Amino acid sequence: MWYNSASMSFILKYPRTSHIGHTVSHAKNRGKRGFKYNLQTVTILINGQKMRLKVPAKVVKQLKKEGVTTHYKKVVE
């Protein structure tokens, strides 16, 4: 699981720093730039308590799969 219910602390599986690359002009001049995360605000339910977190879009997809988010419920067949 991604959280410890006793301390309500989250351990999200993504690096805290974004990747570094180059911005390249038409003349092939290079300058440093950072690739920033696609952060989304998500409300999740833990032990009946709502928490709002900013997480990357990839983690949102994983939270939806787990069924932890409040705006997404798994379809029960």
C-alpha atoms as a PDB file:
ATOM      1  CA  MET A   1       0.000   0.000   0.000  1.00  0.00           C
ATOM      2  CA  TRP A   2       1.106   3.583  -0.422  1.00  0.00           C
ATOM      3  CA  TYR A   3       0.235   4.846   3.006  1.00  0.00           C
ATOM      4  CA  ASN A   4       0.663   3.944   6.625  1.00  0.00           C
ATOM      5  CA  SER A   5      -2.767   4.183   8.233  1.00  0.00           C
ATOM      6  CA  ALA A   6      -1.298   4.670  11.726  1.00  0.00           C
ATOM      7  CA  SER A   7       0.673   7.815  10.908  1.00  0.00           C
ATOM      8  CA  MET A   8      -1.338   8.852   7.805  1.00  0.00           C
ATOM      9  CA  SER A   9       1.920   9.549   5.985  1.00  0.00           C
ATOM     10  CA  PHE A  10       2.253   8.844   2.297  1.00  0.00           C
ATOM     11  CA  ILE A  11       5.146   7.260   0.481  1.00  0.00           C
ATOM     12  CA  LEU A  12       4.544   8.015  -3.181  1.00  0.00           C
ATOM     13  CA  LYS A  13       6.618   6.127  -5.712  1.00  0.00           C
ATOM     14  CA  TYR A  14       8.062   8.904  -7.835  1.00  0.00           C
ATOM     15  CA  PRO A  15      11.286  10.901  -7.543  1.00  0.00           C
ATOM     16  CA  ARG A  16      10.961  14.310  -5.912  1.00  0.00           C
ATOM     17  CA  THR A  17      13.150  16.079  -8.481  1.00  0.00           C
ATOM     18  CA  SER A  18      12.249  16.393 -12.116  1.00  0.00           C
ATOM     19  CA  HIS A  19      14.502  15.312 -14.967  1.00  0.00           C
ATOM     20  CA  ILE A  20      16.997  17.685 -16.541  1.00  0.00           C
ATOM     21  CA  GLY A  21      17.496  18.091 -20.271  1.00  0.00           C
ATOM     22  CA  HIS A  22      18.328  20.644 -22.930  1.00  0.00           C
ATOM     23  CA  THR A  23      16.266  23.100 -24.894  1.00  0.00           C
ATOM     24  CA  VAL A  24      17.657  23.031 -28.431  1.00  0.00           C
ATOM     25  CA  SER A  25      17.251  25.915 -30.875  1.00  0.00           C
ATOM     26  CA  HIS A  26      17.175  25.671 -34.662  1.00  0.00           C
ATOM     27  CA  ALA A  27      20.893  26.541 -34.684  1.00  0.00           C
ATOM     28  CA  LYS A  28      21.488  23.639 -32.243  1.00  0.00           C
ATOM     29  CA  ASN A  29      22.330  25.963 -29.351  1.00  0.00           C
ATOM     30  CA  ARG A  30      21.662  24.163 -26.089  1.00  0.00           C
ATOM     31  CA  GLY A  31      20.474  25.490 -22.784  1.00  0.00           C
ATOM     32  CA  LYS A  32      19.497  23.599 -19.652  1.00  0.00           C
ATOM     33  CA  ARG A  33      15.865  23.053 -18.781  1.00  0.00           C
ATOM     34  CA  GLY A  34      13.917  20.941 -16.356  1.00  0.00           C
ATOM     35  CA  PHE A  35      11.096  18.580 -17.241  1.00  0.00           C
ATOM     36  CA  LYS A  36       8.402  19.276 -14.668  1.00  0.00           C
ATOM     37  CA  TYR A  37       5.831  16.801 -13.417  1.00  0.00           C
ATOM     38  CA  ASN A  38       2.225  16.934 -14.564  1.00  0.00           C
ATOM     39  CA  LEU A  39       0.895  17.532 -11.030  1.00  0.00           C
ATOM     40  CA  GLN A  40      -2.806  17.043 -10.359  1.00  0.00           C
ATOM     41  CA  THR A  41      -4.774  17.658  -7.165  1.00  0.00           C
ATOM     42  CA  VAL A  42      -6.484  14.473  -6.022  1.00  0.00           C
ATOM     43  CA  THR A  43      -8.790  13.829  -3.075  1.00  0.00           C
ATOM     44  CA  ILE A  44      -8.287  10.421  -1.535  1.00  0.00           C
ATOM     45  CA  LEU A  45     -10.087   8.600   1.247  1.00  0.00           C
ATOM     46  CA  ILE A  46      -8.110   7.003   4.085  1.00  0.00           C
ATOM     47  CA  ASN A  47     -10.011   5.435   6.976  1.00  0.00           C
ATOM     48  CA  GLY A  48     -13.017   7.618   6.120  1.00  0.00           C
ATOM     49  CA  GLN A  49     -10.949  10.811   6.177  1.00  0.00           C
ATOM     50  CA  LYS A  50     -10.457  12.887   3.031  1.00  0.00           C
ATOM     51  CA  MET A  51      -6.985  14.139   2.103  1.00  0.00           C
ATOM     52  CA  ARG A  52      -5.980  16.357  -0.807  1.00  0.00           C
ATOM     53  CA  LEU A  53      -2.618  15.672  -2.447  1.00  0.00           C
ATOM     54  CA  LYS A  54      -0.750  16.947  -5.461  1.00  0.00           C
ATOM     55  CA  VAL A  55       0.523  13.930  -7.363  1.00  0.00           C
ATOM     56  CA  PRO A  56       1.783  13.298 -10.911  1.00  0.00           C
ATOM     57  CA  ALA A  57      -0.692  12.067 -13.524  1.00  0.00           C
ATOM     58  CA  LYS A  58       0.972   8.650 -13.584  1.00  0.00           C
ATOM     59  CA  VAL A  59       0.313   8.224  -9.851  1.00  0.00           C
ATOM     60  CA  VAL A  60      -3.319   9.358 -10.350  1.00  0.00           C
ATOM     61  CA  LYS A  61      -3.733   6.456 -12.759  1.00  0.00           C
ATOM     62  CA  GLN A  62      -2.374   4.056 -10.137  1.00  0.00           C
ATOM     63  CA  LEU A  63      -4.642   5.534  -7.434  1.00  0.00           C
ATOM     64  CA  LYS A  64      -7.668   5.036  -9.689  1.00  0.00           C
ATOM     65  CA  LYS A  65      -6.668   1.408 -10.223  1.00  0.00           C
ATOM     66  CA  GLU A  66      -6.432   0.902  -6.445  1.00  0.00           C
ATOM     67  CA  GLY A  67      -9.836   2.576  -5.969  1.00  0.00           C
ATOM     68  CA  VAL A  68      -8.506   5.017  -3.362  1.00  0.00           C
ATOM     69  CA  THR A  69      -9.673   8.253  -4.997  1.00  0.00           C
ATOM     70  CA  THR A  70     -13.086   9.684  -4.149  1.00  0.00           C
ATOM     71  CA  HIS A  71     -14.009  10.612  -7.722  1.00  0.00           C
ATOM     72  CA  TYR A  72     -13.566   7.109  -9.082  1.00  0.00           C
ATOM     73  CA  LYS A  73     -15.293   3.915  -8.029  1.00  0.00           C
ATOM     74  CA  LYS A  74     -14.522   0.464  -9.410  1.00  0.00           C
ATOM     75  CA  VAL A  75     -17.333  -1.143 -11.389  1.00  0.00           C
ATOM     76  CA  VAL A  76     -18.499  -4.262  -9.586  1.00  0.00           C
ATOM     77  CA  GLU A  77     -19.793  -6.937 -11.915  1.00  0.00           C
END
